[in-house]
Amino acid sequence: MKTVAAAFLLVATTLACVSCIQNRQEGDLTVLQGTYVIAGQCYKADYGTLYVSENRADPESRLIRLPLIKIHSASTDPAEPVFRCIGGPGGPNVWTPGTVRQYGLENLPESYLIERHDLVMVGYRGVDGSVSLACSEVEEALAVEKNPLSGENLKNLGEAWNDCFQRLEGSGIDIDGYTIVDVADDMEAARRALGYEKINVYGSSYGTRPAYIYSLRYPESVHRLFMFGVNPPGGFVFEPEMVDAQITYLAGLWKSNPDCVARTPDIVETIRTVLDRLPVEFENVYIDPDKIRIMMNITDSLREPQDIAMLFDAFVAAEQGDYRGLAYLIIYYDLGLPPVLSSGDYPSKMLSADYDPGRDYAADMNRPGSIIGSPVTTLLFAPMKYGGWPIAPVQDEYRTARPSGVETLLLNGIFDMATAKTEQELLPLLQNGKSVVLKELGHCRGLETSQPEAFQNLVETFFLEGAVDASQFEYQPLDFKTDITFQDMYDQYAHPFGG
């Protein structure tokens, strides 16, 4: 049996082959057998190339190729397979052992499922496979020294997006075929090619959008649907009120903690005060208020307990004149925002699903009186009026929540800004839907890793039995304490040898 490395070398060769697509049809799957190593244990695995239409609405569309990995269950009598749809957009959905190590992990986060299920990864079009929507033009436009949210820079960013769009279209790529609906259809093509009758779908963050759309388009193919860190329809747009509500909620927890109040009685006022003082120069670092607001919003700084504690600590320090923590956030921005943000996959998925060309996003996301506005939505949606990324929108029925009879479980944290929208707008339409909201936890990382045994029990019990067992989760209050601060990180980066 071929090793993982050898199998992927052969798959890569297949993907690179120009003539291999001849005599292929939509939904064809070629497979090489190999192994997948998890924590030192080898599992039988199939490494496939899935052939799918680039634009299924065009009968003359060319075929593109997507990688697929099926890790065979350790069970001799496996239950329904699990198809994973993880976060992004712009990130891969097919992880090799090398990708796992790149993320600092020992094995796939979902590897526990292999004991009872085949685990299937289908590549995301535009990221994995034969077509990449990488945009170097956007990388350059994001790398500004000052005021990335200014009108001038937003215009430059919109023009950079459009330059990339035109370049990719000029190379023969039909970008209208790179929507969330197309991702859902790719999953169905993979299910059919693999011969499964029904599948379980495991979605996280962005991946919950194609997972949910899959359940709407192919309900007869779904056994059960599990989604956590849910991104509901409309969820790519974070209104300023949502961001403010999150900060205000956290500020209430701060005020209930005497140790925190002793540091500053009102963390919201501290944040406002510090932002009003910016920009400042600190040890040759230009601390730009736009970049600070983006970094507050783009990372998990307002969603995960450890990150929240580090962020608030940095603002308290800055109010007292110590800007090291905020300087580290600037360095983090300047070293390069997450690469997914400069992938054309990002606007392809977001804009086709949630963009409203009639809105003035620059104004709407920066309303007077808002604590920080909605800087990431500004950064990603406001530039689109300057040429931007003119992808066709998906069908109206997939731009809003719709009724579904699929057996569904939602898991969210109270710190996730999309949780309220999910509970109010999506959950009521899930006729066989159940929801678990965990206190003092946020988006995906904390839900999955803070109490892994409880998380795994919840997921596996649901997939196997349809039961919802959240009894193993224990309440862990946010105390705003942290073993390492952004100031420490700044010292390690700027002064690695001390001094």
Protein backbone atom coordinates (compact mmCIF):
# COMPACT_ATOMS: atom_id res chain seq x y z
CA MET A 1 0.00 0.00 0.00
CA LYS A 2 1.34 3.42 -0.95
CA THR A 3 2.37 5.85 1.75
CA VAL A 4 0.66 9.19 2.26
CA ALA A 5 3.52 11.07 0.66
CA ALA A 6 3.65 8.78 -2.36
CA ALA A 7 -0.12 8.87 -2.78
CA PHE A 8 -0.24 12.63 -2.67
CA LEU A 9 2.66 12.89 -5.09
CA LEU A 10 0.65 10.83 -7.53
CA VAL A 11 -2.50 12.87 -6.90
CA ALA A 12 -0.54 16.07 -7.44
CA THR A 13 0.76 14.66 -10.69
CA THR A 14 -2.80 13.87 -11.72
CA LEU A 15 -3.92 17.40 -10.88
CA ALA A 16 -1.09 18.88 -12.89
CA CYS A 17 -1.82 16.75 -15.95
CA VAL A 18 -3.45 18.70 -18.77
CA SER A 19 -4.55 15.73 -20.83
CA CYS A 20 -5.99 13.75 -17.91
CA ILE A 21 -9.24 15.67 -18.07
CA GLN A 22 -10.02 14.31 -21.52
CA ASN A 23 -12.81 11.74 -21.56
CA ARG A 24 -13.86 12.76 -18.03
CA GLN A 25 -17.39 13.81 -17.08
CA GLU A 26 -18.99 15.78 -14.26
CA GLY A 27 -18.82 13.69 -11.09
CA ASP A 28 -16.06 11.31 -12.19
CA LEU A 29 -13.69 10.26 -9.41
CA THR A 30 -10.25 8.68 -9.77
CA VAL A 31 -8.79 7.11 -6.63
CA LEU A 32 -5.38 6.02 -5.40
CA GLN A 33 -5.18 3.91 -2.25
CA GLY A 34 -2.83 4.90 0.51
CA THR A 35 -2.60 5.50 4.22
CA TYR A 36 -3.25 8.47 6.49
CA VAL A 37 -1.17 8.69 9.66
CA ILE A 38 -2.84 10.03 12.79
CA ALA A 39 -0.86 10.17 16.04
CA GLY A 40 1.46 7.46 14.73
CA GLN A 41 -1.36 5.13 13.67
CA CYS A 42 -1.95 4.32 10.01
CA TYR A 43 -5.45 4.29 8.60
CA LYS A 44 -6.46 3.08 5.17
CA ALA A 45 -7.20 6.10 2.99
CA ASP A 46 -8.32 6.84 -0.54
CA TYR A 47 -6.79 9.85 -2.29
CA GLY A 48 -9.03 10.98 -5.09
CA THR A 49 -9.44 13.54 -7.82
CA LEU A 50 -13.05 14.65 -8.33
CA TYR A 51 -14.01 16.12 -11.71
CA VAL A 52 -16.72 18.81 -11.52
CA SER A 53 -18.08 21.52 -13.81
CA GLU A 54 -16.63 24.94 -13.17
CA ASN A 55 -20.03 26.57 -13.74
CA ARG A 56 -22.92 24.14 -13.63
CA ALA A 57 -25.27 26.81 -15.04
CA ASP A 58 -23.27 26.74 -18.28
CA PRO A 59 -23.65 23.50 -20.25
CA GLU A 60 -20.41 24.34 -22.10
CA SER A 61 -18.42 24.86 -18.91
CA ARG A 62 -15.06 23.19 -18.57
CA LEU A 63 -14.25 20.65 -15.86
CA ILE A 64 -12.03 21.49 -12.91
CA ARG A 65 -10.39 19.06 -10.48
CA LEU A 66 -10.77 18.87 -6.72
CA PRO A 67 -8.75 16.72 -4.32
CA LEU A 68 -10.64 14.34 -2.05
CA ILE A 69 -9.49 12.23 0.88
CA LYS A 70 -11.53 9.44 2.40
CA ILE A 71 -10.08 8.06 5.64
CA HIS A 72 -11.61 4.65 6.25
CA SER A 73 -13.19 3.98 9.61
CA ALA A 74 -11.44 1.69 12.06
CA SER A 75 -14.78 -0.06 12.59
CA THR A 76 -15.73 -3.21 10.70
CA ASP A 77 -19.32 -1.96 10.72
CA PRO A 78 -19.08 1.82 10.34
CA ALA A 79 -22.00 4.19 10.78
CA GLU A 80 -22.84 6.88 8.23
CA PRO A 81 -19.74 8.73 6.97
CA VAL A 82 -18.88 12.24 8.07
CA PHE A 83 -18.18 14.93 5.47
CA ARG A 84 -16.32 17.87 6.97
CA CYS A 85 -16.74 21.54 5.96
CA ILE A 86 -14.38 23.73 7.93
CA GLY A 87 -13.65 27.45 8.16
CA GLY A 88 -12.61 30.08 5.68
CA PRO A 89 -13.40 31.26 3.08
CA GLY A 90 -9.97 31.11 1.51
CA GLY A 91 -8.66 28.22 3.58
CA PRO A 92 -8.30 24.58 2.54
CA ASN A 93 -10.81 21.86 3.36
CA VAL A 94 -8.46 18.98 2.50
CA TRP A 95 -5.76 18.53 5.11
CA THR A 96 -2.75 16.30 4.61
CA PRO A 97 -0.71 15.31 7.66
CA GLY A 98 1.62 18.14 6.63
CA THR A 99 -1.23 20.63 6.77
CA VAL A 100 -2.16 19.34 10.22
CA ARG A 101 1.39 19.98 11.46
CA GLN A 102 1.35 23.41 9.82
CA TYR A 103 -1.57 24.33 12.08
CA GLY A 104 0.39 23.15 15.12
CA LEU A 105 -1.74 20.04 15.63
CA GLU A 106 -0.85 16.41 16.20
CA ASN A 107 -3.75 15.08 14.17
CA LEU A 108 -6.97 16.10 12.51
CA PRO A 109 -9.31 17.69 15.07
CA GLU A 110 -12.08 15.32 13.92
CA SER A 111 -9.92 12.16 14.01
CA TYR A 112 -11.94 10.73 16.91
CA LEU A 113 -14.82 10.24 14.45
CA ILE A 114 -12.80 7.65 12.51
CA GLU A 115 -13.52 5.04 15.17
CA ARG A 116 -17.12 4.74 13.91
CA HIS A 117 -17.26 6.67 10.62
CA ASP A 118 -15.42 7.15 7.38
CA LEU A 119 -14.15 10.74 7.37
CA VAL A 120 -14.29 12.53 4.02
CA MET A 121 -12.63 15.78 2.98
CA VAL A 122 -13.70 17.33 -0.33
CA GLY A 123 -11.56 20.19 -1.61
CA TYR A 124 -12.96 23.72 -1.70
CA ARG A 125 -13.07 25.01 -5.27
CA GLY A 126 -10.92 28.12 -5.68
CA VAL A 127 -8.55 27.02 -2.92
CA ASP A 128 -7.89 23.30 -3.23
CA GLY A 129 -7.39 21.62 -6.57
CA SER A 130 -6.65 22.81 -10.08
CA VAL A 131 -7.84 26.44 -9.75
CA SER A 132 -6.50 28.97 -7.27
CA LEU A 133 -8.07 32.39 -6.79
CA ALA A 134 -4.98 33.88 -5.12
CA CYS A 135 -4.75 37.68 -5.46
CA SER A 136 -1.30 39.20 -5.04
CA GLU A 137 -2.83 42.55 -6.04
CA VAL A 138 -4.90 42.54 -2.87
CA GLU A 139 -1.96 41.56 -0.67
CA GLU A 140 -0.18 44.70 -1.85
CA ALA A 141 -3.25 46.90 -1.37
CA LEU A 142 -3.69 45.71 2.22
CA ALA A 143 -0.05 46.45 3.08
CA VAL A 144 -0.45 50.16 3.80
CA GLU A 145 1.37 52.05 6.52
CA LYS A 146 -1.55 54.15 7.74
CA ASN A 147 -5.35 54.40 7.69
CA PRO A 148 -6.37 51.19 5.87
CA LEU A 149 -10.02 52.18 6.36
CA SER A 150 -9.69 55.61 4.78
CA GLY A 151 -11.71 56.39 1.67
CA GLU A 152 -8.57 56.47 -0.43
CA ASN A 153 -7.32 53.10 0.76
CA LEU A 154 -10.74 51.48 0.42
CA LYS A 155 -10.86 52.75 -3.17
CA ASN A 156 -7.39 51.34 -3.85
CA LEU A 157 -8.43 48.03 -2.33
CA GLY A 158 -11.59 47.87 -4.45
CA GLU A 159 -9.55 48.53 -7.58
CA ALA A 160 -7.05 45.84 -6.55
CA TRP A 161 -9.87 43.32 -6.13
CA ASN A 162 -11.15 44.24 -9.56
CA ASP A 163 -7.69 43.98 -11.12
CA CYS A 164 -7.41 40.45 -9.72
CA PHE A 165 -10.91 39.56 -10.89
CA GLN A 166 -10.17 40.72 -14.42
CA ARG A 167 -6.82 38.91 -14.48
CA LEU A 168 -8.37 35.62 -13.35
CA GLU A 169 -11.29 35.92 -15.76
CA GLY A 170 -8.82 36.75 -18.52
CA SER A 171 -6.97 33.51 -17.76
CA GLY A 172 -10.14 31.55 -18.48
CA ILE A 173 -11.58 31.17 -14.97
CA ASP A 174 -15.37 31.55 -14.73
CA ILE A 175 -15.63 33.14 -11.30
CA ASP A 176 -19.42 32.93 -11.23
CA GLY A 177 -18.88 29.22 -10.56
CA TYR A 178 -17.14 29.75 -7.22
CA THR A 179 -20.04 30.29 -4.81
CA ILE A 180 -21.15 28.52 -1.64
CA VAL A 181 -23.88 26.77 -3.62
CA ASP A 182 -21.21 25.31 -5.92
CA VAL A 183 -19.34 24.00 -2.86
CA ALA A 184 -22.52 22.25 -1.69
CA ASP A 185 -22.96 20.71 -5.14
CA ASP A 186 -19.36 19.46 -5.05
CA MET A 187 -20.15 17.61 -1.82
CA GLU A 188 -23.12 15.93 -3.48
CA ALA A 189 -20.97 14.94 -6.45
CA ALA A 190 -18.50 13.38 -4.02
CA ARG A 191 -21.24 11.52 -2.12
CA ARG A 192 -22.54 10.01 -5.33
CA ALA A 193 -19.08 9.10 -6.59
CA LEU A 194 -18.25 7.37 -3.29
CA GLY A 195 -21.53 5.46 -3.33
CA TYR A 196 -22.87 6.61 0.03
CA GLU A 197 -26.64 6.62 0.52
CA LYS A 198 -26.68 9.16 3.36
CA ILE A 199 -23.97 11.19 5.04
CA ASN A 200 -23.42 13.15 8.23
CA VAL A 201 -22.24 16.70 7.63
CA TYR A 202 -19.85 18.41 10.07
CA GLY A 203 -19.60 22.16 9.55
CA SER A 204 -17.65 24.83 11.41
CA SER A 205 -17.57 28.62 11.00
CA TYR A 206 -17.73 29.49 7.27
CA GLY A 207 -18.14 25.78 6.56
CA THR A 208 -21.58 25.89 8.16
CA ARG A 209 -22.86 27.93 5.21
CA PRO A 210 -22.21 25.33 2.47
CA ALA A 211 -23.22 22.63 4.99
CA TYR A 212 -26.60 24.29 5.59
CA ILE A 213 -27.15 24.93 1.88
CA TYR A 214 -26.29 21.29 1.22
CA SER A 215 -29.04 20.26 3.64
CA LEU A 216 -31.50 22.50 1.79
CA ARG A 217 -30.58 21.25 -1.67
CA TYR A 218 -30.11 17.58 -0.83
CA PRO A 219 -32.14 16.79 2.30
CA GLU A 220 -32.59 13.17 1.23
CA SER A 221 -28.79 12.74 1.27
CA VAL A 222 -28.29 13.95 4.84
CA HIS A 223 -28.45 11.67 7.85
CA ARG A 224 -27.65 14.37 10.41
CA LEU A 225 -26.15 17.86 10.26
CA PHE A 226 -23.90 19.26 13.00
CA MET A 227 -22.79 22.90 12.85
CA PHE A 228 -20.75 24.87 15.37
CA GLY A 229 -19.52 28.44 15.36
CA VAL A 230 -22.45 28.91 13.01
CA ASN A 231 -22.34 31.48 10.23
CA PRO A 232 -26.05 31.91 9.42
CA PRO A 233 -27.40 33.43 6.19
CA GLY A 234 -26.34 37.07 6.22
CA GLY A 235 -23.61 36.17 8.68
CA PHE A 236 -20.69 37.58 6.70
CA VAL A 237 -21.92 41.07 7.60
CA PHE A 238 -21.33 42.08 11.21
CA GLU A 239 -23.38 45.17 11.93
CA PRO A 240 -21.83 47.73 14.32
CA GLU A 241 -24.62 47.00 16.78
CA MET A 242 -23.50 43.36 16.92
CA VAL A 243 -19.90 44.33 17.64
CA ASP A 244 -20.95 46.93 20.23
CA ALA A 245 -23.26 44.42 21.93
CA GLN A 246 -20.39 41.98 22.22
CA ILE A 247 -18.04 44.53 23.77
CA THR A 248 -20.79 45.77 26.10
CA TYR A 249 -21.56 42.22 27.25
CA LEU A 250 -17.89 41.62 28.00
CA ALA A 251 -17.71 44.95 29.80
CA GLY A 252 -20.52 43.79 32.06
CA LEU A 253 -18.51 40.71 33.01
CA TRP A 254 -15.52 42.97 33.65
CA LYS A 255 -17.55 45.17 36.01
CA SER A 256 -18.68 42.14 37.98
CA ASN A 257 -15.07 41.23 38.77
CA PRO A 258 -13.54 43.30 41.62
CA ASP A 259 -9.98 42.63 40.43
CA CYS A 260 -10.85 43.99 36.99
CA VAL A 261 -12.63 47.05 38.38
CA ALA A 262 -9.54 47.82 40.43
CA ARG A 263 -7.59 48.09 37.17
CA THR A 264 -10.19 50.26 35.42
CA PRO A 265 -13.83 50.75 36.41
CA ASP A 266 -15.10 50.91 32.81
CA ILE A 267 -13.25 48.93 30.12
CA VAL A 268 -15.41 50.45 27.35
CA GLU A 269 -14.37 53.94 28.39
CA THR A 270 -10.75 52.77 28.52
CA ILE A 271 -11.02 51.47 24.95
CA ARG A 272 -12.58 54.72 23.76
CA THR A 273 -9.95 56.80 25.55
CA VAL A 274 -7.03 54.86 24.11
CA LEU A 275 -8.42 54.89 20.57
CA ASP A 276 -9.00 58.66 20.82
CA ARG A 277 -5.31 59.15 21.69
CA LEU A 278 -4.11 57.26 18.63
CA PRO A 279 -2.10 57.42 16.48
CA VAL A 280 1.09 57.37 18.52
CA GLU A 281 4.66 56.38 17.77
CA PHE A 282 6.12 53.72 20.06
CA GLU A 283 9.65 52.43 19.53
CA ASN A 284 9.40 53.13 15.79
CA VAL A 285 6.02 51.40 15.56
CA TYR A 286 3.25 53.63 14.22
CA ILE A 287 0.18 52.61 16.19
CA ASP A 288 -2.63 53.28 13.75
CA PRO A 289 -6.21 53.31 15.12
CA ASP A 290 -7.66 51.67 11.99
CA LYS A 291 -5.26 48.75 12.26
CA ILE A 292 -6.01 48.34 15.96
CA ARG A 293 -9.75 48.26 15.29
CA ILE A 294 -9.26 45.72 12.49
CA MET A 295 -7.13 43.49 14.70
CA MET A 296 -9.71 43.70 17.49
CA ASN A 297 -12.32 42.45 15.03
CA ILE A 298 -10.46 40.13 12.65
CA THR A 299 -8.91 37.77 15.14
CA ASP A 300 -10.60 36.02 18.06
CA SER A 301 -9.78 38.97 20.32
CA LEU A 302 -13.45 39.54 21.12
CA ARG A 303 -14.56 35.89 20.89
CA GLU A 304 -12.22 33.61 22.82
CA PRO A 305 -11.60 33.96 26.60
CA GLN A 306 -7.79 34.01 26.44
CA ASP A 307 -7.76 36.49 23.56
CA ILE A 308 -10.32 38.74 25.26
CA ALA A 309 -8.20 38.84 28.41
CA MET A 310 -5.07 39.72 26.42
CA LEU A 311 -6.83 42.43 24.44
CA PHE A 312 -8.40 44.15 27.43
CA ASP A 313 -5.10 43.92 29.31
CA ALA A 314 -3.35 45.67 26.41
CA PHE A 315 -5.85 48.54 26.48
CA VAL A 316 -5.53 48.97 30.25
CA ALA A 317 -1.74 49.07 29.85
CA ALA A 318 -2.00 51.57 27.00
CA GLU A 319 -4.23 53.87 29.04
CA GLN A 320 -1.41 53.91 31.58
CA GLY A 321 1.17 54.71 28.88
CA ASP A 322 2.46 51.22 28.05
CA TYR A 323 1.79 50.72 24.32
CA ARG A 324 3.70 47.48 23.87
CA GLY A 325 0.57 45.35 23.57
CA LEU A 326 -1.00 47.54 20.91
CA ALA A 327 2.36 47.75 19.13
CA TYR A 328 2.36 43.96 18.90
CA LEU A 329 -1.06 44.05 17.21
CA ILE A 330 0.36 46.50 14.66
CA ILE A 331 3.32 44.22 14.02
CA TYR A 332 0.91 41.31 13.61
CA TYR A 333 -1.05 43.30 11.01
CA ASP A 334 2.07 44.41 9.16
CA LEU A 335 3.51 40.90 9.03
CA GLY A 336 0.50 40.00 6.96
CA LEU A 337 -3.19 39.67 7.62
CA PRO A 338 -4.51 36.10 7.36
CA PRO A 339 -3.71 34.94 3.80
CA VAL A 340 -7.35 33.99 3.26
CA LEU A 341 -8.20 37.69 3.09
CA SER A 342 -6.20 38.09 -0.11
CA SER A 343 -7.74 35.08 -1.79
CA GLY A 344 -10.46 35.64 -4.35
CA ASP A 345 -12.28 32.81 -2.63
CA TYR A 346 -13.11 35.25 0.17
CA PRO A 347 -15.17 37.74 -1.87
CA SER A 348 -16.50 35.00 -4.13
CA LYS A 349 -18.20 33.28 -1.21
CA MET A 350 -19.14 36.36 0.82
CA LEU A 351 -20.34 38.72 -1.88
CA SER A 352 -22.33 36.18 -3.85
CA ALA A 353 -24.18 35.27 -0.65
CA ASP A 354 -24.50 38.45 1.45
CA TYR A 355 -23.55 41.57 -0.51
CA ASP A 356 -26.18 44.28 -1.00
CA PRO A 357 -25.07 46.70 -3.76
CA GLY A 358 -27.58 49.26 -2.51
CA ARG A 359 -25.84 49.73 0.86
CA ASP A 360 -23.18 52.28 1.70
CA TYR A 361 -21.04 49.97 3.81
CA ALA A 362 -18.45 52.62 4.66
CA ALA A 363 -21.15 54.74 6.32
CA ASP A 364 -23.32 51.95 7.69
CA MET A 365 -20.42 50.16 9.40
CA ASN A 366 -19.06 53.33 11.06
CA ARG A 367 -22.06 54.95 12.69
CA PRO A 368 -21.48 57.84 15.13
CA GLY A 369 -21.23 56.70 18.72
CA SER A 370 -20.25 53.11 17.94
CA ILE A 371 -17.39 51.83 20.08
CA ILE A 372 -15.24 50.54 17.19
CA GLY A 373 -17.79 50.27 14.36
CA SER A 374 -17.50 47.15 12.23
CA PRO A 375 -14.00 47.44 10.78
CA VAL A 376 -13.72 44.04 9.10
CA THR A 377 -17.04 44.38 7.28
CA THR A 378 -15.88 47.84 6.23
CA LEU A 379 -12.58 46.44 4.96
CA LEU A 380 -14.22 43.66 2.96
CA PHE A 381 -17.51 45.11 1.74
CA ALA A 382 -16.98 48.88 1.39
CA PRO A 383 -14.32 48.58 -1.39
CA MET A 384 -16.66 46.68 -3.65
CA LYS A 385 -18.31 49.80 -5.06
CA TYR A 386 -14.98 50.65 -6.68
CA GLY A 387 -15.08 47.86 -9.23
CA GLY A 388 -14.57 45.21 -6.60
CA TRP A 389 -15.46 41.61 -7.33
CA PRO A 390 -18.45 41.55 -9.71
CA ILE A 391 -19.54 37.98 -9.11
CA ALA A 392 -23.17 37.08 -9.78
CA PRO A 393 -25.24 36.56 -6.61
CA VAL A 394 -26.49 33.11 -5.69
CA GLN A 395 -30.20 32.33 -5.93
CA ASP A 396 -32.35 34.37 -3.54
CA GLU A 397 -33.46 31.28 -1.60
CA TYR A 398 -29.88 30.74 -0.40
CA ARG A 399 -29.33 34.32 0.73
CA THR A 400 -31.79 34.03 3.62
CA ALA A 401 -32.70 31.35 6.13
CA ARG A 402 -35.22 28.78 4.90
CA PRO A 403 -37.16 25.97 6.58
CA SER A 404 -35.37 22.64 6.81
CA GLY A 405 -36.57 19.25 8.04
CA VAL A 406 -33.05 17.80 8.35
CA GLU A 407 -32.09 16.66 11.83
CA THR A 408 -29.72 19.44 12.89
CA LEU A 409 -27.68 20.38 15.95
CA LEU A 410 -26.25 23.88 16.43
CA LEU A 411 -23.46 24.59 18.91
CA ASN A 412 -22.41 28.16 19.67
CA GLY A 413 -20.71 30.19 22.35
CA ILE A 414 -22.24 33.24 23.95
CA PHE A 415 -19.15 35.26 22.95
CA ASP A 416 -19.72 34.61 19.24
CA MET A 417 -21.27 37.71 17.66
CA ALA A 418 -23.29 35.57 15.25
CA THR A 419 -24.95 33.54 18.01
CA ALA A 420 -27.91 35.86 18.55
CA LYS A 421 -28.62 36.00 14.81
CA THR A 422 -28.40 32.22 14.60
CA GLU A 423 -30.80 31.70 17.50
CA GLN A 424 -33.30 34.33 16.34
CA GLU A 425 -33.34 33.82 12.57
CA LEU A 426 -32.07 30.31 11.74
CA LEU A 427 -33.06 28.03 14.62
CA PRO A 428 -36.84 28.73 14.41
CA LEU A 429 -36.81 27.47 10.80
CA LEU A 430 -35.13 24.16 11.64
CA GLN A 431 -38.10 21.85 12.11
CA ASN A 432 -35.86 19.13 13.56
CA GLY A 433 -33.26 21.49 14.96
CA LYS A 434 -31.74 21.67 18.43
CA SER A 435 -29.34 24.24 19.84
CA VAL A 436 -26.71 24.38 22.57
CA VAL A 437 -25.26 27.74 23.60
CA LEU A 438 -22.31 27.61 25.98
CA LYS A 439 -21.59 30.44 28.37
CA GLU A 440 -18.21 32.17 28.40
CA LEU A 441 -17.10 30.49 25.18
CA GLY A 442 -16.85 32.00 21.73
CA HIS A 443 -16.33 30.83 18.18
CA CYS A 444 -14.89 27.50 17.05
CA ARG A 445 -11.52 27.18 18.77
CA GLY A 446 -12.79 27.34 22.33
CA LEU A 447 -15.83 25.18 21.65
CA GLU A 448 -13.65 22.45 20.19
CA THR A 449 -10.57 22.56 22.40
CA SER A 450 -11.43 23.96 25.83
CA GLN A 451 -13.23 20.76 26.88
CA PRO A 452 -12.46 18.32 24.06
CA GLU A 453 -13.98 15.22 25.65
CA ALA A 454 -17.29 17.01 26.21
CA PHE A 455 -17.26 18.33 22.64
CA GLN A 456 -16.48 14.94 21.14
CA ASN A 457 -19.17 13.27 23.22
CA LEU A 458 -21.73 15.83 22.04
CA VAL A 459 -20.85 15.36 18.37
CA GLU A 460 -20.59 11.57 18.37
CA THR A 461 -23.74 11.04 20.44
CA PHE A 462 -25.66 13.21 18.00
CA PHE A 463 -24.32 11.51 14.87
CA LEU A 464 -24.92 8.01 16.24
CA GLU A 465 -28.13 8.44 18.20
CA GLY A 466 -29.63 11.82 17.33
CA ALA A 467 -29.46 12.69 21.04
CA VAL A 468 -28.08 15.97 22.40
CA ASP A 469 -25.81 15.38 25.38
CA ALA A 470 -24.12 18.56 26.59
CA SER A 471 -23.95 17.30 30.16
CA GLN A 472 -20.18 16.91 30.19
CA PHE A 473 -19.52 20.61 29.60
CA GLU A 474 -18.58 22.46 32.77
CA TYR A 475 -19.10 26.17 33.23
CA GLN A 476 -15.81 28.05 33.22
CA PRO A 477 -16.29 31.73 34.08
CA LEU A 478 -14.21 34.37 32.35
CA ASP A 479 -11.83 35.86 34.92
CA PHE A 480 -9.79 37.99 32.47
CA LYS A 481 -6.56 36.41 33.70
CA THR A 482 -3.86 35.42 31.24
CA ASP A 483 -0.48 33.73 31.57
CA ILE A 484 0.96 35.70 28.66
CA THR A 485 0.12 39.18 27.41
CA PHE A 486 0.45 41.02 24.12
CA GLN A 487 3.11 43.06 25.89
CA ASP A 488 5.09 39.86 26.50
CA MET A 489 4.70 38.93 22.84
CA TYR A 490 5.95 42.35 21.79
CA ASP A 491 9.04 41.93 23.99
CA GLN A 492 9.74 38.50 22.54
CA TYR A 493 9.47 39.82 18.99
CA ALA A 494 11.05 43.27 19.29
CA HIS A 495 13.66 42.41 21.92
CA PRO A 496 14.42 38.69 21.55
CA PHE A 497 17.70 39.04 23.46
CA GLY A 498 16.35 41.30 26.18
CA GLY A 499 17.04 44.93 26.76
